[in-house]
Amino acid sequence: MKSILLTLLITLSLGCQKEHAHDHDHDHDHDHGEGHAHSHDAPNGGVLVDVENEFCHLEFLVDPLNGRLQMHAMRFHPSEEPLKFFMEQVEAIAKIGEEEKAFTFSPTQLDGEAPATEATSLYTAQIDWLKDTPEFDVTLKELQIEDRKLQNITFKFSK
């Protein structure tokens, strides 16, 4: 009886160690020690922004075909997939030095051209000064995704 209890105790203690390797079917490592930090790579090579502690991620990049600034919405957990939502426009402010410039993202079909009239994971903004401005700070005023109102999302954009 003692040997069964000892075996059970050893098995349970080995199964509950903090550091372990496992496959989550996504491209990042987990460190379950102090801090539990990990990162994601932007799928399209743009600037990736973590929103509300991984509620979602937004990726920003310039479309090489039409020069528009794209905003892709996605989830990484539990799997990497587009996050579709609908807003008629997403208002943003760019700060370039001391100057602020307002612009808006519009819902766009996945072809990057046609306007979307229902939930989509792609929003685009036509910005005339974008081609001459390689880096700037951005604030998205508000996003309404699912039942959440996300406000004042800030990040630095660079090409």
Protein backbone atom coordinates (compact mmCIF):
# COMPACT_ATOMS: atom_id res chain seq x y z
CA MET A 1 0.00 0.00 0.00
CA LYS A 2 2.84 2.38 0.86
CA SER A 3 4.47 1.77 -2.51
CA ILE A 4 1.21 2.59 -4.36
CA LEU A 5 0.85 5.86 -2.44
CA LEU A 6 4.51 6.71 -3.06
CA THR A 7 4.15 5.99 -6.80
CA LEU A 8 0.99 8.11 -6.97
CA LEU A 9 2.68 10.97 -5.13
CA ILE A 10 5.71 10.90 -7.46
CA THR A 11 3.50 10.76 -10.55
CA LEU A 12 1.42 13.71 -9.40
CA SER A 13 4.46 15.80 -8.50
CA LEU A 14 6.09 15.14 -11.88
CA GLY A 15 2.89 16.06 -13.71
CA CYS A 16 2.58 19.44 -11.98
CA GLN A 17 5.98 20.94 -12.66
CA LYS A 18 5.86 24.56 -13.82
CA GLU A 19 8.13 24.33 -16.87
CA HIS A 20 6.93 22.06 -19.62
CA ALA A 21 6.77 21.87 -23.37
CA HIS A 22 3.56 21.38 -25.26
CA ASP A 23 2.08 22.09 -28.63
CA HIS A 24 -0.60 24.79 -28.84
CA ASP A 25 -0.73 24.73 -32.66
CA HIS A 26 0.63 28.27 -32.87
CA ASP A 27 3.99 29.87 -33.40
CA HIS A 28 5.23 31.04 -30.03
CA ASP A 29 6.79 29.69 -26.88
CA HIS A 30 5.29 29.74 -23.42
CA ASP A 31 7.41 30.24 -20.32
CA HIS A 32 5.29 29.41 -17.32
CA GLY A 33 7.86 30.83 -14.89
CA GLU A 34 7.84 34.34 -13.45
CA GLY A 35 6.44 36.99 -15.79
CA HIS A 36 4.94 34.56 -18.34
CA ALA A 37 5.95 36.73 -21.29
CA HIS A 38 5.63 35.74 -24.92
CA SER A 39 5.27 37.51 -28.21
CA HIS A 40 3.73 37.11 -31.62
CA ASP A 41 5.04 37.97 -35.06
CA ALA A 42 2.94 40.14 -37.36
CA PRO A 43 1.58 37.73 -40.01
CA ASN A 44 1.93 40.29 -42.82
CA GLY A 45 5.18 41.90 -41.66
CA GLY A 46 3.52 45.06 -40.30
CA VAL A 47 3.31 46.65 -36.85
CA LEU A 48 1.49 44.36 -34.41
CA VAL A 49 -0.46 45.92 -31.53
CA ASP A 50 -1.69 43.91 -28.55
CA VAL A 51 -5.12 45.23 -27.46
CA GLU A 52 -6.35 44.75 -23.88
CA ASN A 53 -3.87 42.08 -22.81
CA GLU A 54 -4.45 39.84 -25.85
CA PHE A 55 -8.19 40.32 -26.22
CA CYS A 56 -7.18 40.83 -29.85
CA HIS A 57 -4.28 42.02 -31.97
CA LEU A 58 -4.25 44.66 -34.68
CA GLU A 59 -1.69 44.67 -37.46
CA PHE A 60 -0.94 47.87 -39.38
CA LEU A 61 0.85 48.01 -42.72
CA VAL A 62 0.88 49.91 -45.99
CA ASP A 63 -0.75 48.11 -48.94
CA PRO A 64 1.95 48.12 -51.65
CA LEU A 65 -0.67 48.13 -54.44
CA ASN A 66 -2.75 51.16 -53.45
CA GLY A 67 -0.72 52.87 -50.71
CA ARG A 68 -3.53 52.67 -48.14
CA LEU A 69 -2.84 52.04 -44.48
CA GLN A 70 -4.39 48.69 -43.56
CA MET A 71 -5.61 47.56 -40.15
CA HIS A 72 -6.06 43.80 -39.78
CA ALA A 73 -7.89 42.48 -36.69
CA MET A 74 -7.06 39.01 -35.40
CA ARG A 75 -7.05 36.65 -32.47
CA PHE A 76 -4.09 34.55 -31.52
CA HIS A 77 -5.73 32.56 -28.74
CA PRO A 78 -6.96 29.90 -28.88
CA SER A 79 -5.98 29.88 -32.55
CA GLU A 80 -4.75 32.38 -35.09
CA GLU A 81 -7.73 33.64 -37.02
CA PRO A 82 -9.21 36.89 -38.35
CA LEU A 83 -11.48 38.80 -35.98
CA LYS A 84 -14.46 40.22 -37.83
CA PHE A 85 -16.45 43.21 -36.57
CA PHE A 86 -18.34 46.06 -38.19
CA MET A 87 -18.01 49.79 -37.63
CA GLU A 88 -18.85 52.37 -40.30
CA GLN A 89 -15.55 54.06 -39.53
CA VAL A 90 -12.70 53.92 -37.03
CA GLU A 91 -11.42 57.37 -36.15
CA ALA A 92 -7.71 57.84 -35.59
CA ILE A 93 -5.24 60.63 -34.88
CA ALA A 94 -1.64 60.63 -36.04
CA LYS A 95 0.91 62.70 -34.19
CA ILE A 96 3.85 63.71 -36.35
CA GLY A 97 6.22 65.78 -34.26
CA GLU A 98 3.95 68.36 -32.64
CA GLU A 99 1.31 68.21 -35.40
CA GLU A 100 -1.84 66.09 -35.15
CA LYS A 101 -3.68 64.79 -38.22
CA ALA A 102 -7.05 63.05 -38.09
CA PHE A 103 -7.90 60.18 -40.44
CA THR A 104 -10.41 57.32 -40.59
CA PHE A 105 -10.31 53.62 -41.34
CA SER A 106 -13.22 52.21 -43.36
CA PRO A 107 -14.42 48.59 -43.45
CA THR A 108 -12.98 46.89 -46.51
CA GLN A 109 -13.46 43.56 -48.26
CA LEU A 110 -10.47 41.22 -48.06
CA ASP A 111 -9.47 42.21 -51.61
CA GLY A 112 -8.25 45.49 -50.06
CA GLU A 113 -10.35 47.59 -52.45
CA ALA A 114 -14.12 47.14 -52.19
CA PRO A 115 -16.02 48.67 -49.26
CA ALA A 116 -17.49 46.17 -46.79
CA THR A 117 -21.07 46.45 -45.59
CA GLU A 118 -20.88 43.69 -43.00
CA ALA A 119 -18.38 42.38 -40.47
CA THR A 120 -14.80 42.25 -41.75
CA SER A 121 -11.31 41.87 -40.31
CA LEU A 122 -9.80 44.51 -42.65
CA TYR A 123 -10.12 48.29 -42.40
CA THR A 124 -8.23 50.72 -44.63
CA ALA A 125 -7.41 54.42 -44.58
CA GLN A 126 -6.46 56.56 -47.59
CA ILE A 127 -3.88 59.01 -46.23
CA ASP A 128 -2.29 61.46 -48.66
CA TRP A 129 0.70 62.29 -46.44
CA LEU A 130 1.47 58.62 -45.65
CA LYS A 131 4.01 58.14 -48.45
CA ASP A 132 6.17 61.00 -47.09
CA THR A 133 5.93 60.03 -43.41
CA PRO A 134 7.85 56.88 -42.42
CA GLU A 135 7.00 56.97 -38.69
CA PHE A 136 4.32 58.49 -36.44
CA ASP A 137 2.33 57.90 -33.26
CA VAL A 138 -1.27 56.76 -33.66
CA THR A 139 -4.28 56.81 -31.36
CA LEU A 140 -7.41 54.89 -32.34
CA LYS A 141 -10.25 56.72 -30.59
CA GLU A 142 -12.61 53.78 -30.18
CA LEU A 143 -13.22 50.24 -31.38
CA GLN A 144 -16.38 48.31 -30.62
CA ILE A 145 -15.66 44.63 -30.94
CA GLU A 146 -18.14 42.06 -29.68
CA ASP A 147 -19.37 43.39 -26.34
CA ARG A 148 -16.30 45.52 -25.64
CA LYS A 149 -15.68 49.21 -26.13
CA LEU A 150 -11.93 49.69 -26.57
CA GLN A 151 -10.76 53.29 -26.30
CA ASN A 152 -7.56 55.25 -26.92
CA ILE A 153 -5.44 52.47 -28.36
CA THR A 154 -1.99 54.00 -28.93
CA PHE A 155 1.07 52.72 -30.80
CA LYS A 156 3.97 53.85 -32.96
CA PHE A 157 3.65 53.10 -36.67
CA SER A 158 6.74 52.72 -38.83
CA LYS A 159 7.10 51.39 -42.33
